[in-house]
C-alpha atoms as a PDB file:
ATOM      1  CA  UNK A   1      20.545  -0.915 -45.482  1.00  0.00           C
ATOM      2  CA  UNK A   2      19.760  -4.569 -46.189  1.00  0.00           C
ATOM      3  CA  UNK A   3      21.263  -5.477 -42.792  1.00  0.00           C
ATOM      4  CA  UNK A   4      18.516  -3.468 -41.098  1.00  0.00           C
ATOM      5  CA  UNK A   5      15.884  -5.977 -42.185  1.00  0.00           C
ATOM      6  CA  UNK A   6      14.979  -9.242 -40.487  1.00  0.00           C
ATOM      7  CA  UNK A   7      14.484 -12.199 -42.804  1.00  0.00           C
ATOM      8  CA  UNK A   8      12.759 -15.229 -41.370  1.00  0.00           C
ATOM      9  CA  UNK A   9      10.821 -17.869 -43.239  1.00  0.00           C
ATOM     10  CA  UNK A  10       8.939 -16.225 -46.073  1.00  0.00           C
ATOM     11  CA  UNK A  11       8.926 -12.696 -44.711  1.00  0.00           C
ATOM     12  CA  UNK A  12      11.254  -9.745 -44.506  1.00  0.00           C
ATOM     13  CA  UNK A  13      10.467  -7.120 -41.895  1.00  0.00           C
ATOM     14  CA  UNK A  14      11.744  -4.056 -40.122  1.00  0.00           C
ATOM     15  CA  UNK A  15       9.670  -3.731 -36.945  1.00  0.00           C
ATOM     16  CA  UNK A  16      10.943  -1.759 -33.995  1.00  0.00           C
ATOM     17  CA  UNK A  17       9.430  -1.068 -30.588  1.00  0.00           C
ATOM     18  CA  UNK A  18      10.193   1.421 -27.834  1.00  0.00           C
ATOM     19  CA  UNK A  19       9.692  -0.118 -24.386  1.00  0.00           C
ATOM     20  CA  UNK A  20       9.719   1.847 -21.129  1.00  0.00           C
ATOM     21  CA  UNK A  21       9.839   0.017 -17.798  1.00  0.00           C
ATOM     22  CA  UNK A  22       9.522   1.847 -14.494  1.00  0.00           C
ATOM     23  CA  UNK A  23      10.515   0.643 -11.048  1.00  0.00           C
ATOM     24  CA  UNK A  24       7.827  -0.254  -8.537  1.00  0.00           C
ATOM     25  CA  UNK A  25       6.541   2.962  -6.936  1.00  0.00           C
ATOM     26  CA  UNK A  26       8.979   4.833  -9.235  1.00  0.00           C
ATOM     27  CA  UNK A  27      11.632   4.407  -6.555  1.00  0.00           C
ATOM     28  CA  UNK A  28      15.111   5.583  -7.470  1.00  0.00           C
ATOM     29  CA  UNK A  29      16.978   2.292  -7.462  1.00  0.00           C
ATOM     30  CA  UNK A  30      19.440   2.223 -10.344  1.00  0.00           C
ATOM     31  CA  UNK A  31      23.008   3.452 -10.298  1.00  0.00           C
ATOM     32  CA  UNK A  32      25.449   3.363 -13.225  1.00  0.00           C
ATOM     33  CA  UNK A  33      26.601  -0.199 -12.481  1.00  0.00           C
ATOM     34  CA  UNK A  34      23.022  -1.502 -12.362  1.00  0.00           C
ATOM     35  CA  UNK A  35      22.116   0.208 -15.624  1.00  0.00           C
ATOM     36  CA  UNK A  36      25.215  -1.233 -17.249  1.00  0.00           C
ATOM     37  CA  UNK A  37      24.276  -4.712 -16.040  1.00  0.00           C
ATOM     38  CA  UNK A  38      20.667  -4.257 -17.207  1.00  0.00           C
ATOM     39  CA  UNK A  39      22.009  -3.338 -20.645  1.00  0.00           C
ATOM     40  CA  UNK A  40      23.921  -6.647 -20.741  1.00  0.00           C
ATOM     41  CA  UNK A  41      20.925  -8.633 -19.480  1.00  0.00           C
ATOM     42  CA  UNK A  42      18.541  -7.137 -22.037  1.00  0.00           C
ATOM     43  CA  UNK A  43      21.061  -7.576 -24.851  1.00  0.00           C
ATOM     44  CA  UNK A  44      21.441 -11.269 -23.977  1.00  0.00           C
ATOM     45  CA  UNK A  45      17.691 -11.864 -23.605  1.00  0.00           C
ATOM     46  CA  UNK A  46      16.788 -10.124 -26.850  1.00  0.00           C
ATOM     47  CA  UNK A  47      19.312 -12.241 -28.755  1.00  0.00           C
ATOM     48  CA  UNK A  48      17.693 -15.370 -27.286  1.00  0.00           C
ATOM     49  CA  UNK A  49      14.317 -14.117 -28.564  1.00  0.00           C
ATOM     50  CA  UNK A  50      15.769 -13.483 -32.072  1.00  0.00           C
ATOM     51  CA  UNK A  51      15.529  -9.738 -31.525  1.00  0.00           C
ATOM     52  CA  UNK A  52      18.106  -6.993 -31.884  1.00  0.00           C
ATOM     53  CA  UNK A  53      18.801  -4.333 -29.271  1.00  0.00           C
ATOM     54  CA  UNK A  54      19.012  -0.997 -31.081  1.00  0.00           C
ATOM     55  CA  UNK A  55      19.370   1.350 -28.119  1.00  0.00           C
ATOM     56  CA  UNK A  56      19.267   1.219 -24.315  1.00  0.00           C
ATOM     57  CA  UNK A  57      19.403   3.883 -21.629  1.00  0.00           C
ATOM     58  CA  UNK A  58      17.875   4.657 -18.288  1.00  0.00           C
ATOM     59  CA  UNK A  59      17.672   6.800 -15.203  1.00  0.00           C
ATOM     60  CA  UNK A  60      17.372   6.010 -11.510  1.00  0.00           C
ATOM     61  CA  UNK A  61      13.739   4.858 -11.776  1.00  0.00           C
ATOM     62  CA  UNK A  62      13.130   3.722 -15.360  1.00  0.00           C
ATOM     63  CA  UNK A  63      14.729   2.332 -18.493  1.00  0.00           C
ATOM     64  CA  UNK A  64      14.183   2.710 -22.244  1.00  0.00           C
ATOM     65  CA  UNK A  65      14.711  -0.125 -24.720  1.00  0.00           C
ATOM     66  CA  UNK A  66      14.527   0.235 -28.483  1.00  0.00           C
ATOM     67  CA  UNK A  67      14.592  -3.152 -30.159  1.00  0.00           C
ATOM     68  CA  UNK A  68      13.888  -4.793 -33.497  1.00  0.00           C
ATOM     69  CA  UNK A  69      11.683  -7.881 -33.679  1.00  0.00           C
ATOM     70  CA  UNK A  70      10.037 -10.277 -36.111  1.00  0.00           C
ATOM     71  CA  UNK A  71       6.251 -10.211 -36.664  1.00  0.00           C
ATOM     72  CA  UNK A  72       5.747 -13.733 -35.280  1.00  0.00           C
ATOM     73  CA  UNK A  73       6.862 -12.572 -31.829  1.00  0.00           C
ATOM     74  CA  UNK A  74       4.221 -12.065 -29.147  1.00  0.00           C
ATOM     75  CA  UNK A  75       5.293  -8.761 -27.602  1.00  0.00           C
ATOM     76  CA  UNK A  76       3.516  -9.216 -24.258  1.00  0.00           C
ATOM     77  CA  UNK A  77       5.274 -12.563 -23.686  1.00  0.00           C
ATOM     78  CA  UNK A  78       8.635 -10.996 -24.501  1.00  0.00           C
ATOM     79  CA  UNK A  79       8.040  -8.044 -22.159  1.00  0.00           C
ATOM     80  CA  UNK A  80       7.004 -10.337 -19.295  1.00  0.00           C
ATOM     81  CA  UNK A  81      10.174 -12.389 -19.814  1.00  0.00           C
ATOM     82  CA  UNK A  82      12.368  -9.266 -19.949  1.00  0.00           C
ATOM     83  CA  UNK A  83      10.844  -7.994 -16.711  1.00  0.00           C
ATOM     84  CA  UNK A  84      10.974 -11.237 -14.747  1.00  0.00           C
ATOM     85  CA  UNK A  85      14.484 -12.322 -15.776  1.00  0.00           C
ATOM     86  CA  UNK A  86      16.030  -8.855 -15.372  1.00  0.00           C
ATOM     87  CA  UNK A  87      14.385  -8.426 -11.957  1.00  0.00           C
ATOM     88  CA  UNK A  88      15.608 -11.798 -10.737  1.00  0.00           C
ATOM     89  CA  UNK A  89      19.160 -11.334 -11.999  1.00  0.00           C
ATOM     90  CA  UNK A  90      19.489  -7.787 -10.697  1.00  0.00           C
ATOM     91  CA  UNK A  91      18.201  -8.784  -7.249  1.00  0.00           C
ATOM     92  CA  UNK A  92      20.658 -11.701  -7.156  1.00  0.00           C
ATOM     93  CA  UNK A  93      23.656  -9.617  -8.199  1.00  0.00           C
ATOM     94  CA  UNK A  94      23.036  -6.359  -6.318  1.00  0.00           C
ATOM     95  CA  UNK A  95      22.291  -6.783  -2.625  1.00  0.00           C
ATOM     96  CA  UNK A  96      20.648  -3.387  -2.042  1.00  0.00           C
ATOM     97  CA  UNK A  97      17.820  -3.888  -4.544  1.00  0.00           C
ATOM     98  CA  UNK A  98      15.769  -6.185  -2.258  1.00  0.00           C
ATOM     99  CA  UNK A  99      15.551  -3.590   0.505  1.00  0.00           C
ATOM    100  CA  UNK A 100      13.189  -1.450  -1.588  1.00  0.00           C
ATOM    101  CA  UNK A 101      10.446  -4.038  -2.057  1.00  0.00           C
ATOM    102  CA  UNK A 102       8.413  -6.514  -0.052  1.00  0.00           C
ATOM    103  CA  UNK A 103       7.514  -9.138  -2.662  1.00  0.00           C
ATOM    104  CA  UNK A 104      10.746  -9.331  -4.661  1.00  0.00           C
ATOM    105  CA  UNK A 105       9.253  -7.136  -7.376  1.00  0.00           C
ATOM    106  CA  UNK A 106      11.553  -4.700  -9.116  1.00  0.00           C
ATOM    107  CA  UNK A 107       9.358  -3.440 -11.960  1.00  0.00           C
ATOM    108  CA  UNK A 108       5.994  -1.732 -11.958  1.00  0.00           C
ATOM    109  CA  UNK A 109       3.233  -4.106 -13.111  1.00  0.00           C
ATOM    110  CA  UNK A 110       2.522  -1.996 -16.185  1.00  0.00           C
ATOM    111  CA  UNK A 111       4.729  -0.847 -19.044  1.00  0.00           C
ATOM    112  CA  UNK A 112       4.724   1.470 -22.045  1.00  0.00           C
ATOM    113  CA  UNK A 113       5.429   0.187 -25.540  1.00  0.00           C
ATOM    114  CA  UNK A 114       5.095   1.919 -28.898  1.00  0.00           C
ATOM    115  CA  UNK A 115       5.869   0.794 -32.401  1.00  0.00           C
ATOM    116  CA  UNK A 116       8.243   3.012 -34.276  1.00  0.00           C
ATOM    117  CA  UNK A 117       9.931   3.167 -37.627  1.00  0.00           C
ATOM    118  CA  UNK A 118      12.445   5.056 -39.677  1.00  0.00           C
ATOM    119  CA  UNK A 119       9.923   7.483 -41.145  1.00  0.00           C
ATOM    120  CA  UNK A 120       6.986   9.435 -39.817  1.00  0.00           C
ATOM    121  CA  UNK A 121       3.420   8.290 -40.429  1.00  0.00           C
ATOM    122  CA  UNK A 122       2.762  11.355 -42.586  1.00  0.00           C
ATOM    123  CA  UNK A 123       5.773  10.539 -44.801  1.00  0.00           C
ATOM    124  CA  UNK A 124       4.633   6.956 -45.168  1.00  0.00           C
ATOM    125  CA  UNK A 125       1.060   8.051 -45.898  1.00  0.00           C
ATOM    126  CA  UNK A 126       2.296  10.369 -48.681  1.00  0.00           C
ATOM    127  CA  UNK A 127       4.440   7.569 -50.125  1.00  0.00           C
ATOM    128  CA  UNK A 128       1.451   5.213 -50.254  1.00  0.00           C
ATOM    129  CA  UNK A 129      -0.866   7.900 -51.651  1.00  0.00           C
ATOM    130  CA  UNK A 130       1.617   8.686 -54.432  1.00  0.00           C
ATOM    131  CA  UNK A 131       1.883   5.141 -55.748  1.00  0.00           C
ATOM    132  CA  UNK A 132       1.443   4.843 -59.496  1.00  0.00           C
ATOM    133  CA  UNK A 133      -1.977   3.189 -59.389  1.00  0.00           C
ATOM    134  CA  UNK A 134      -3.431   1.922 -62.673  1.00  0.00           C
ATOM    135  CA  UNK A 135      -5.790   4.387 -64.336  1.00  0.00           C
ATOM    136  CA  UNK A 136      -9.253   3.273 -65.369  1.00  0.00           C
END
């Protein structure tokens, strides 16, 4: 269980985020080979950002990333890097990707991200409420 935590500087954390990226116009672009390559690209990029890829999957027009990160990371900067680098590499390596778009843009301009953890909010709330607080 200790391996699930990230220790950096004076803090120990266990922060995870669920990121969903969709293709521009939700076009069905990805095949199995592209998704496999995206998995490798995201794995490599997250390591460079001192993050850990927990889970990856996708369909023809979107992908899901679950990753662990440290609290000093600026999520929006990471997401922009993930989108730009993965788009560039995929367009370089797979010739058919460019035919779908005019401005060399693979991803939709927006994205979905949600924080997530190992327990539900209600479980955590009960745990905090049931702390043995000092009595008056």
